[in-house]
Amino acid sequence: MISATILGSLDALHDYAKPATHARSMSADRVARVVYEATTEIASDNWFRGRLDEAAESYAVAARMCNLARPWLDIANIRMDQKRPAEALVAADAYLEREPGSIFGRGLRMRALQPLGRHKEVVELPRTLSPEGLPEATYVLDEYHLSGARGVARHPTQ
């Protein structure tokens, strides 16, 4: 992981995140990896500083750069922090396209569906998991039911 303190400043990190900075000194794959790491470090710094839209945009750049799943998970979490569940759902779905069996992605999807009023989908989601994923899905579903506005939420089918 690259640190802005090692490079001296956030401005230096932004320069380091530009592919042109490395084009002659590294292979294309290595350049992509270095730029990806610098970009996610910038995103993380923005998230830490409360610049959530900037953080999400940097994570989106990183996700497109290497077609990796992890940045989409971070974007979904940021959008949930911002109380923007529709955008969180889009990011969770992008994550799940790359990591279809992920309990983290499914849990985030469930969290995003709840404020959108799509409770039936939340309850159905664990049924799509393999038997190995069911203990974690049960935990996430229990957490979902306990997060009702007035304490314990009733099961949507009751």
N, C-alpha and C. Protein backbone atom coordinates (compact mmCIF):
# COMPACT_ATOMS: atom_id res chain seq x y z
N MET A 1 0.84 -1.18 0.00
CA MET A 1 0.00 0.00 0.00
C MET A 1 0.88 1.24 0.00
N ILE A 2 0.55 2.18 -0.82
CA ILE A 2 1.30 3.43 -0.94
C ILE A 2 0.75 4.41 0.07
N SER A 3 1.58 5.14 0.70
CA SER A 3 1.14 6.12 1.69
C SER A 3 1.55 7.52 1.25
N ALA A 4 0.64 8.46 1.45
CA ALA A 4 0.94 9.86 1.09
C ALA A 4 2.11 10.38 1.93
N THR A 5 2.26 9.86 3.15
CA THR A 5 3.37 10.33 3.98
C THR A 5 4.70 9.88 3.40
N ILE A 6 4.74 8.69 2.80
CA ILE A 6 5.97 8.23 2.17
C ILE A 6 6.30 9.10 0.96
N LEU A 7 5.31 9.44 0.19
CA LEU A 7 5.53 10.24 -1.01
C LEU A 7 5.68 11.72 -0.69
N GLY A 8 5.31 12.13 0.49
CA GLY A 8 5.51 13.51 0.89
C GLY A 8 4.26 14.35 0.91
N SER A 9 3.31 14.08 0.03
CA SER A 9 2.11 14.88 0.02
C SER A 9 1.02 14.20 -0.80
N LEU A 10 -0.17 14.65 -0.61
CA LEU A 10 -1.29 14.14 -1.40
C LEU A 10 -1.14 14.55 -2.87
N ASP A 11 -0.56 15.72 -3.10
CA ASP A 11 -0.30 16.15 -4.49
C ASP A 11 0.64 15.17 -5.18
N ALA A 12 1.65 14.72 -4.45
CA ALA A 12 2.59 13.75 -5.02
C ALA A 12 1.87 12.44 -5.32
N LEU A 13 0.95 12.06 -4.45
CA LEU A 13 0.19 10.83 -4.68
C LEU A 13 -0.69 10.96 -5.93
N HIS A 14 -1.28 12.12 -6.13
CA HIS A 14 -2.07 12.36 -7.34
C HIS A 14 -1.19 12.24 -8.60
N ASP A 15 0.01 12.78 -8.52
CA ASP A 15 0.94 12.63 -9.65
C ASP A 15 1.31 11.17 -9.86
N TYR A 16 1.51 10.44 -8.78
CA TYR A 16 1.88 9.03 -8.84
C TYR A 16 0.74 8.20 -9.45
N ALA A 17 -0.49 8.68 -9.32
CA ALA A 17 -1.65 7.97 -9.84
C ALA A 17 -1.85 8.17 -11.34
N LYS A 18 -1.00 8.96 -11.97
CA LYS A 18 -1.11 9.19 -13.41
C LYS A 18 -0.26 8.17 -14.17
N PRO A 19 -0.87 7.43 -15.08
CA PRO A 19 -0.10 6.43 -15.83
C PRO A 19 1.13 7.00 -16.53
N ALA A 20 1.06 8.22 -17.02
CA ALA A 20 2.18 8.81 -17.75
C ALA A 20 3.43 8.93 -16.88
N THR A 21 3.25 8.99 -15.57
CA THR A 21 4.38 9.09 -14.65
C THR A 21 5.27 7.85 -14.74
N HIS A 22 4.69 6.70 -15.10
CA HIS A 22 5.40 5.43 -15.04
C HIS A 22 5.58 4.75 -16.40
N ALA A 23 5.02 5.31 -17.44
CA ALA A 23 4.93 4.63 -18.73
C ALA A 23 6.27 4.10 -19.25
N ARG A 24 7.34 4.79 -19.04
CA ARG A 24 8.62 4.37 -19.59
C ARG A 24 9.38 3.43 -18.67
N SER A 25 9.08 3.46 -17.40
CA SER A 25 9.89 2.71 -16.45
C SER A 25 9.32 1.34 -16.07
N MET A 26 8.08 1.03 -16.48
CA MET A 26 7.44 -0.22 -16.07
C MET A 26 6.63 -0.83 -17.19
N SER A 27 6.34 -2.12 -17.04
CA SER A 27 5.45 -2.79 -17.98
C SER A 27 4.03 -2.25 -17.80
N ALA A 28 3.19 -2.44 -18.78
CA ALA A 28 1.81 -1.95 -18.72
C ALA A 28 1.05 -2.53 -17.54
N ASP A 29 1.24 -3.83 -17.27
CA ASP A 29 0.56 -4.45 -16.13
C ASP A 29 1.00 -3.83 -14.81
N ARG A 30 2.29 -3.59 -14.68
CA ARG A 30 2.82 -3.00 -13.45
C ARG A 30 2.33 -1.56 -13.30
N VAL A 31 2.29 -0.81 -14.40
CA VAL A 31 1.77 0.55 -14.35
C VAL A 31 0.32 0.53 -13.85
N ALA A 32 -0.48 -0.37 -14.41
CA ALA A 32 -1.89 -0.45 -14.00
C ALA A 32 -2.00 -0.75 -12.51
N ARG A 33 -1.18 -1.64 -12.01
CA ARG A 33 -1.22 -1.99 -10.59
C ARG A 33 -0.82 -0.81 -9.70
N VAL A 34 0.26 -0.14 -10.06
CA VAL A 34 0.73 1.01 -9.28
C VAL A 34 -0.30 2.13 -9.30
N VAL A 35 -0.85 2.42 -10.46
CA VAL A 35 -1.84 3.48 -10.58
C VAL A 35 -3.11 3.11 -9.81
N TYR A 36 -3.51 1.83 -9.89
CA TYR A 36 -4.66 1.35 -9.12
C TYR A 36 -4.44 1.57 -7.63
N GLU A 37 -3.29 1.17 -7.12
CA GLU A 37 -2.99 1.32 -5.70
C GLU A 37 -3.00 2.79 -5.28
N ALA A 38 -2.40 3.65 -6.08
CA ALA A 38 -2.39 5.08 -5.75
C ALA A 38 -3.80 5.66 -5.79
N THR A 39 -4.59 5.25 -6.76
CA THR A 39 -5.96 5.75 -6.89
C THR A 39 -6.82 5.32 -5.71
N THR A 40 -6.69 4.06 -5.29
CA THR A 40 -7.48 3.61 -4.13
C THR A 40 -7.00 4.27 -2.84
N GLU A 41 -5.72 4.59 -2.76
CA GLU A 41 -5.21 5.31 -1.59
C GLU A 41 -5.80 6.72 -1.54
N ILE A 42 -5.90 7.37 -2.69
CA ILE A 42 -6.54 8.69 -2.77
C ILE A 42 -8.01 8.58 -2.35
N ALA A 43 -8.68 7.56 -2.85
CA ALA A 43 -10.09 7.35 -2.49
C ALA A 43 -10.23 7.15 -0.99
N SER A 44 -9.38 6.33 -0.42
CA SER A 44 -9.42 6.07 1.02
C SER A 44 -9.20 7.35 1.83
N ASP A 45 -8.25 8.16 1.39
CA ASP A 45 -7.98 9.43 2.06
C ASP A 45 -9.20 10.35 1.98
N ASN A 46 -9.83 10.41 0.81
CA ASN A 46 -11.03 11.24 0.67
C ASN A 46 -12.15 10.74 1.58
N TRP A 47 -12.31 9.42 1.66
CA TRP A 47 -13.35 8.84 2.53
C TRP A 47 -13.07 9.22 3.98
N PHE A 48 -11.83 9.07 4.40
CA PHE A 48 -11.44 9.41 5.76
C PHE A 48 -11.72 10.88 6.07
N ARG A 49 -11.51 11.74 5.10
CA ARG A 49 -11.71 13.18 5.30
C ARG A 49 -13.16 13.62 5.09
N GLY A 50 -14.04 12.66 4.80
CA GLY A 50 -15.45 12.98 4.64
C GLY A 50 -15.84 13.49 3.28
N ARG A 51 -14.94 13.41 2.32
CA ARG A 51 -15.23 13.83 0.95
C ARG A 51 -15.76 12.60 0.19
N LEU A 52 -17.00 12.26 0.50
CA LEU A 52 -17.54 10.98 0.06
C LEU A 52 -17.75 10.89 -1.45
N ASP A 53 -18.23 11.95 -2.08
CA ASP A 53 -18.40 11.89 -3.53
C ASP A 53 -17.06 11.74 -4.25
N GLU A 54 -16.05 12.47 -3.77
CA GLU A 54 -14.71 12.35 -4.36
C GLU A 54 -14.16 10.94 -4.15
N ALA A 55 -14.39 10.38 -2.96
CA ALA A 55 -13.93 9.02 -2.67
C ALA A 55 -14.59 8.02 -3.61
N ALA A 56 -15.91 8.13 -3.76
CA ALA A 56 -16.63 7.20 -4.63
C ALA A 56 -16.16 7.32 -6.08
N GLU A 57 -15.91 8.53 -6.53
CA GLU A 57 -15.44 8.72 -7.90
C GLU A 57 -14.05 8.11 -8.09
N SER A 58 -13.17 8.28 -7.11
CA SER A 58 -11.83 7.67 -7.22
C SER A 58 -11.92 6.15 -7.22
N TYR A 59 -12.78 5.60 -6.38
CA TYR A 59 -12.96 4.15 -6.38
C TYR A 59 -13.53 3.67 -7.72
N ALA A 60 -14.42 4.45 -8.32
CA ALA A 60 -14.97 4.08 -9.63
C ALA A 60 -13.88 4.09 -10.70
N VAL A 61 -12.99 5.06 -10.65
CA VAL A 61 -11.87 5.10 -11.59
C VAL A 61 -11.01 3.85 -11.40
N ALA A 62 -10.72 3.50 -10.16
CA ALA A 62 -9.91 2.31 -9.88
C ALA A 62 -10.61 1.05 -10.37
N ALA A 63 -11.92 0.96 -10.16
CA ALA A 63 -12.67 -0.23 -10.58
C ALA A 63 -12.64 -0.39 -12.09
N ARG A 64 -12.80 0.70 -12.80
CA ARG A 64 -12.77 0.63 -14.27
C ARG A 64 -11.36 0.33 -14.79
N MET A 65 -10.38 0.82 -14.07
CA MET A 65 -8.99 0.67 -14.48
C MET A 65 -8.57 -0.80 -14.53
N CYS A 66 -8.93 -1.55 -13.53
CA CYS A 66 -8.47 -2.95 -13.44
C CYS A 66 -9.61 -3.96 -13.44
N ASN A 67 -10.85 -3.49 -13.56
CA ASN A 67 -12.02 -4.36 -13.55
C ASN A 67 -12.03 -5.28 -12.33
N LEU A 68 -11.75 -4.71 -11.16
CA LEU A 68 -11.73 -5.46 -9.92
C LEU A 68 -13.01 -5.20 -9.13
N ALA A 69 -13.34 -6.12 -8.26
CA ALA A 69 -14.59 -6.05 -7.49
C ALA A 69 -14.51 -5.11 -6.30
N ARG A 70 -13.40 -5.13 -5.57
CA ARG A 70 -13.31 -4.44 -4.28
C ARG A 70 -13.74 -2.97 -4.31
N PRO A 71 -13.33 -2.18 -5.29
CA PRO A 71 -13.76 -0.78 -5.26
C PRO A 71 -15.28 -0.61 -5.27
N TRP A 72 -15.99 -1.53 -5.92
CA TRP A 72 -17.46 -1.42 -5.95
C TRP A 72 -18.05 -1.64 -4.57
N LEU A 73 -17.44 -2.50 -3.77
CA LEU A 73 -17.89 -2.70 -2.40
C LEU A 73 -17.71 -1.42 -1.58
N ASP A 74 -16.56 -0.76 -1.78
CA ASP A 74 -16.32 0.50 -1.08
C ASP A 74 -17.30 1.58 -1.53
N ILE A 75 -17.58 1.65 -2.82
CA ILE A 75 -18.56 2.62 -3.32
C ILE A 75 -19.93 2.36 -2.70
N ALA A 76 -20.33 1.11 -2.64
CA ALA A 76 -21.63 0.77 -2.05
C ALA A 76 -21.69 1.21 -0.58
N ASN A 77 -20.62 0.97 0.16
CA ASN A 77 -20.58 1.39 1.57
C ASN A 77 -20.64 2.91 1.70
N ILE A 78 -19.94 3.61 0.83
CA ILE A 78 -19.98 5.07 0.86
C ILE A 78 -21.40 5.56 0.58
N ARG A 79 -22.03 5.01 -0.43
CA ARG A 79 -23.39 5.45 -0.78
C ARG A 79 -24.38 5.13 0.35
N MET A 80 -24.17 4.04 1.06
CA MET A 80 -25.02 3.75 2.21
C MET A 80 -24.77 4.78 3.31
N ASP A 81 -23.50 5.15 3.52
CA ASP A 81 -23.18 6.20 4.50
C ASP A 81 -23.87 7.50 4.14
N GLN A 82 -24.03 7.75 2.86
CA GLN A 82 -24.67 8.98 2.38
C GLN A 82 -26.20 8.87 2.32
N LYS A 83 -26.71 7.73 2.71
CA LYS A 83 -28.17 7.49 2.66
C LYS A 83 -28.66 7.56 1.22
N ARG A 84 -27.88 6.97 0.31
CA ARG A 84 -28.24 6.91 -1.11
C ARG A 84 -28.32 5.43 -1.52
N PRO A 85 -29.36 4.74 -1.04
CA PRO A 85 -29.42 3.29 -1.24
C PRO A 85 -29.56 2.86 -2.70
N ALA A 86 -30.19 3.65 -3.54
CA ALA A 86 -30.32 3.25 -4.95
C ALA A 86 -28.93 3.17 -5.60
N GLU A 87 -28.07 4.14 -5.31
CA GLU A 87 -26.71 4.12 -5.84
C GLU A 87 -25.89 3.02 -5.19
N ALA A 88 -26.14 2.77 -3.91
CA ALA A 88 -25.45 1.66 -3.22
C ALA A 88 -25.82 0.33 -3.85
N LEU A 89 -27.08 0.19 -4.23
CA LEU A 89 -27.53 -1.05 -4.87
C LEU A 89 -26.84 -1.26 -6.21
N VAL A 90 -26.71 -0.21 -6.99
CA VAL A 90 -26.01 -0.31 -8.28
C VAL A 90 -24.57 -0.77 -8.05
N ALA A 91 -23.90 -0.19 -7.06
CA ALA A 91 -22.52 -0.57 -6.77
C ALA A 91 -22.43 -1.99 -6.23
N ALA A 92 -23.36 -2.37 -5.36
CA ALA A 92 -23.36 -3.74 -4.83
C ALA A 92 -23.57 -4.74 -5.96
N ASP A 93 -24.44 -4.42 -6.88
CA ASP A 93 -24.67 -5.31 -8.03
C ASP A 93 -23.43 -5.40 -8.93
N ALA A 94 -22.73 -4.27 -9.10
CA ALA A 94 -21.49 -4.30 -9.88
C ALA A 94 -20.45 -5.18 -9.18
N TYR A 95 -20.40 -5.11 -7.86
CA TYR A 95 -19.50 -5.97 -7.10
C TYR A 95 -19.88 -7.44 -7.30
N LEU A 96 -21.18 -7.73 -7.20
CA LEU A 96 -21.64 -9.12 -7.34
C LEU A 96 -21.46 -9.67 -8.75
N GLU A 97 -21.43 -8.82 -9.75
CA GLU A 97 -21.12 -9.29 -11.11
C GLU A 97 -19.72 -9.89 -11.17
N ARG A 98 -18.82 -9.33 -10.37
CA ARG A 98 -17.43 -9.78 -10.37
C ARG A 98 -17.17 -10.86 -9.32
N GLU A 99 -17.96 -10.86 -8.24
CA GLU A 99 -17.82 -11.83 -7.14
C GLU A 99 -19.21 -12.38 -6.80
N PRO A 100 -19.79 -13.21 -7.66
CA PRO A 100 -21.19 -13.62 -7.50
C PRO A 100 -21.53 -14.33 -6.19
N GLY A 101 -20.62 -15.03 -5.59
CA GLY A 101 -20.94 -15.76 -4.38
C GLY A 101 -20.63 -15.02 -3.10
N SER A 102 -20.25 -13.77 -3.20
CA SER A 102 -19.79 -13.03 -2.02
C SER A 102 -20.90 -12.73 -1.02
N ILE A 103 -20.69 -13.14 0.21
CA ILE A 103 -21.64 -12.81 1.28
C ILE A 103 -21.57 -11.32 1.60
N PHE A 104 -20.39 -10.71 1.42
CA PHE A 104 -20.27 -9.27 1.67
C PHE A 104 -21.13 -8.49 0.68
N GLY A 105 -21.04 -8.87 -0.59
CA GLY A 105 -21.84 -8.21 -1.62
C GLY A 105 -23.33 -8.41 -1.41
N ARG A 106 -23.69 -9.63 -1.03
CA ARG A 106 -25.12 -9.91 -0.80
C ARG A 106 -25.63 -9.19 0.44
N GLY A 107 -24.80 -9.13 1.47
CA GLY A 107 -25.20 -8.40 2.68
C GLY A 107 -25.40 -6.92 2.39
N LEU A 108 -24.51 -6.36 1.60
CA LEU A 108 -24.63 -4.95 1.22
C LEU A 108 -25.85 -4.73 0.34
N ARG A 109 -26.09 -5.68 -0.54
CA ARG A 109 -27.29 -5.60 -1.40
C ARG A 109 -28.55 -5.60 -0.53
N MET A 110 -28.56 -6.47 0.49
CA MET A 110 -29.71 -6.53 1.40
C MET A 110 -29.90 -5.20 2.13
N ARG A 111 -28.79 -4.61 2.59
CA ARG A 111 -28.87 -3.32 3.29
C ARG A 111 -29.40 -2.23 2.38
N ALA A 112 -29.03 -2.27 1.09
CA ALA A 112 -29.48 -1.25 0.14
C ALA A 112 -30.95 -1.44 -0.23
N LEU A 113 -31.39 -2.68 -0.31
CA LEU A 113 -32.78 -2.95 -0.69
C LEU A 113 -33.77 -2.52 0.39
N GLN A 114 -33.37 -2.64 1.66
CA GLN A 114 -34.28 -2.34 2.76
C GLN A 114 -34.88 -0.93 2.70
N PRO A 115 -34.06 0.14 2.62
CA PRO A 115 -34.67 1.48 2.57
C PRO A 115 -35.44 1.75 1.29
N LEU A 116 -35.21 0.92 0.28
CA LEU A 116 -35.96 1.07 -0.97
C LEU A 116 -37.31 0.36 -0.90
N GLY A 117 -37.58 -0.29 0.24
CA GLY A 117 -38.86 -0.97 0.44
C GLY A 117 -38.97 -2.30 -0.29
N ARG A 118 -37.86 -2.86 -0.69
CA ARG A 118 -37.87 -4.10 -1.46
C ARG A 118 -37.60 -5.30 -0.53
N HIS A 119 -38.45 -5.43 0.49
CA HIS A 119 -38.25 -6.41 1.56
C HIS A 119 -38.35 -7.85 1.08
N LYS A 120 -39.21 -8.12 0.13
CA LYS A 120 -39.35 -9.48 -0.35
C LYS A 120 -38.03 -9.98 -0.95
N GLU A 121 -37.34 -9.10 -1.69
CA GLU A 121 -36.05 -9.48 -2.27
C GLU A 121 -35.00 -9.74 -1.19
N VAL A 122 -35.08 -8.97 -0.10
CA VAL A 122 -34.14 -9.16 1.00
C VAL A 122 -34.30 -10.55 1.59
N VAL A 123 -35.52 -10.94 1.82
CA VAL A 123 -35.80 -12.23 2.44
C VAL A 123 -35.48 -13.37 1.49
N GLU A 124 -35.65 -13.17 0.20
CA GLU A 124 -35.38 -14.21 -0.80
C GLU A 124 -33.89 -14.39 -1.07
N LEU A 125 -33.10 -13.36 -0.86
CA LEU A 125 -31.68 -13.40 -1.24
C LEU A 125 -30.91 -14.57 -0.62
N PRO A 126 -31.07 -14.89 0.65
CA PRO A 126 -30.30 -16.02 1.21
C PRO A 126 -30.61 -17.35 0.53
N ARG A 127 -31.76 -17.50 -0.04
CA ARG A 127 -32.11 -18.76 -0.71
C ARG A 127 -31.27 -19.02 -1.95
N THR A 128 -30.63 -17.99 -2.46
CA THR A 128 -29.81 -18.15 -3.66
C THR A 128 -28.38 -18.55 -3.33
N LEU A 129 -28.06 -18.66 -2.05
CA LEU A 129 -26.70 -19.00 -1.64
C LEU A 129 -26.49 -20.49 -1.57
N SER A 130 -25.26 -20.90 -1.67
CA SER A 130 -24.90 -22.30 -1.50
C SER A 130 -25.03 -22.66 -0.02
N PRO A 131 -25.10 -23.95 0.32
CA PRO A 131 -25.18 -24.34 1.73
C PRO A 131 -24.02 -23.80 2.57
N GLU A 132 -22.84 -23.63 1.96
CA GLU A 132 -21.70 -23.10 2.70
C GLU A 132 -21.91 -21.64 3.11
N GLY A 133 -22.69 -20.92 2.33
CA GLY A 133 -22.92 -19.51 2.62
C GLY A 133 -24.10 -19.25 3.53
N LEU A 134 -24.86 -20.27 3.85
CA LEU A 134 -26.08 -20.05 4.63
C LEU A 134 -25.85 -19.55 6.05
N PRO A 135 -24.83 -20.02 6.80
CA PRO A 135 -24.65 -19.45 8.15
C PRO A 135 -24.45 -17.94 8.12
N GLU A 136 -23.62 -17.44 7.18
CA GLU A 136 -23.40 -16.01 7.09
C GLU A 136 -24.68 -15.30 6.63
N ALA A 137 -25.41 -15.92 5.71
CA ALA A 137 -26.65 -15.31 5.22
C ALA A 137 -27.67 -15.23 6.34
N THR A 138 -27.72 -16.25 7.18
CA THR A 138 -28.65 -16.23 8.31
C THR A 138 -28.31 -15.08 9.24
N TYR A 139 -27.03 -14.88 9.49
CA TYR A 139 -26.59 -13.77 10.33
C TYR A 139 -27.02 -12.43 9.73
N VAL A 140 -26.77 -12.25 8.43
CA VAL A 140 -27.13 -10.99 7.76
C VAL A 140 -28.63 -10.79 7.78
N LEU A 141 -29.39 -11.85 7.56
CA LEU A 141 -30.85 -11.75 7.57
C LEU A 141 -31.36 -11.41 8.97
N ASP A 142 -30.77 -12.03 10.00
CA ASP A 142 -31.16 -11.70 11.38
C ASP A 142 -30.87 -10.24 11.68
N GLU A 143 -29.70 -9.76 11.23
CA GLU A 143 -29.35 -8.36 11.42
C GLU A 143 -30.37 -7.46 10.72
N TYR A 144 -30.80 -7.86 9.54
CA TYR A 144 -31.81 -7.11 8.79
C TYR A 144 -33.11 -7.00 9.58
N HIS A 145 -33.56 -8.12 10.14
CA HIS A 145 -34.82 -8.10 10.88
C HIS A 145 -34.72 -7.31 12.18
N LEU A 146 -33.54 -7.23 12.76
CA LEU A 146 -33.36 -6.48 14.01
C LEU A 146 -33.19 -4.99 13.77
N SER A 147 -33.08 -4.57 12.53
CA SER A 147 -32.82 -3.16 12.24
C SER A 147 -34.09 -2.35 11.97
N GLY A 148 -35.22 -2.87 12.34
CA GLY A 148 -36.47 -2.15 12.12
C GLY A 148 -36.50 -0.84 12.87
N ALA A 149 -37.30 0.10 12.41
CA ALA A 149 -37.35 1.44 13.00
C ALA A 149 -37.80 1.42 14.45
N ARG A 150 -38.63 0.47 14.83
CA ARG A 150 -39.13 0.40 16.20
C ARG A 150 -38.55 -0.81 16.94
N GLY A 151 -37.27 -1.07 16.77
CA GLY A 151 -36.67 -2.22 17.43
C GLY A 151 -36.74 -3.42 16.50
N VAL A 152 -37.27 -4.51 16.97
CA VAL A 152 -37.32 -5.73 16.18
C VAL A 152 -38.38 -5.59 15.11
N ALA A 153 -37.96 -5.79 13.89
CA ALA A 153 -38.89 -5.68 12.74
C ALA A 153 -39.63 -7.00 12.56
N ARG A 154 -40.85 -6.90 12.11
CA ARG A 154 -41.59 -8.11 11.79
C ARG A 154 -41.14 -8.63 10.43
N HIS A 155 -41.15 -9.94 10.32
CA HIS A 155 -40.83 -10.56 9.04
C HIS A 155 -41.84 -10.05 8.01
N PRO A 156 -41.40 -9.63 6.83
CA PRO A 156 -42.31 -9.03 5.83
C PRO A 156 -43.46 -9.95 5.41
N THR A 157 -43.32 -11.25 5.58
CA THR A 157 -44.39 -12.14 5.16
C THR A 157 -45.39 -12.41 6.28
N GLN A 158 -45.16 -11.85 7.46
CA GLN A 158 -46.09 -12.07 8.59
C GLN A 158 -47.16 -11.02 8.62
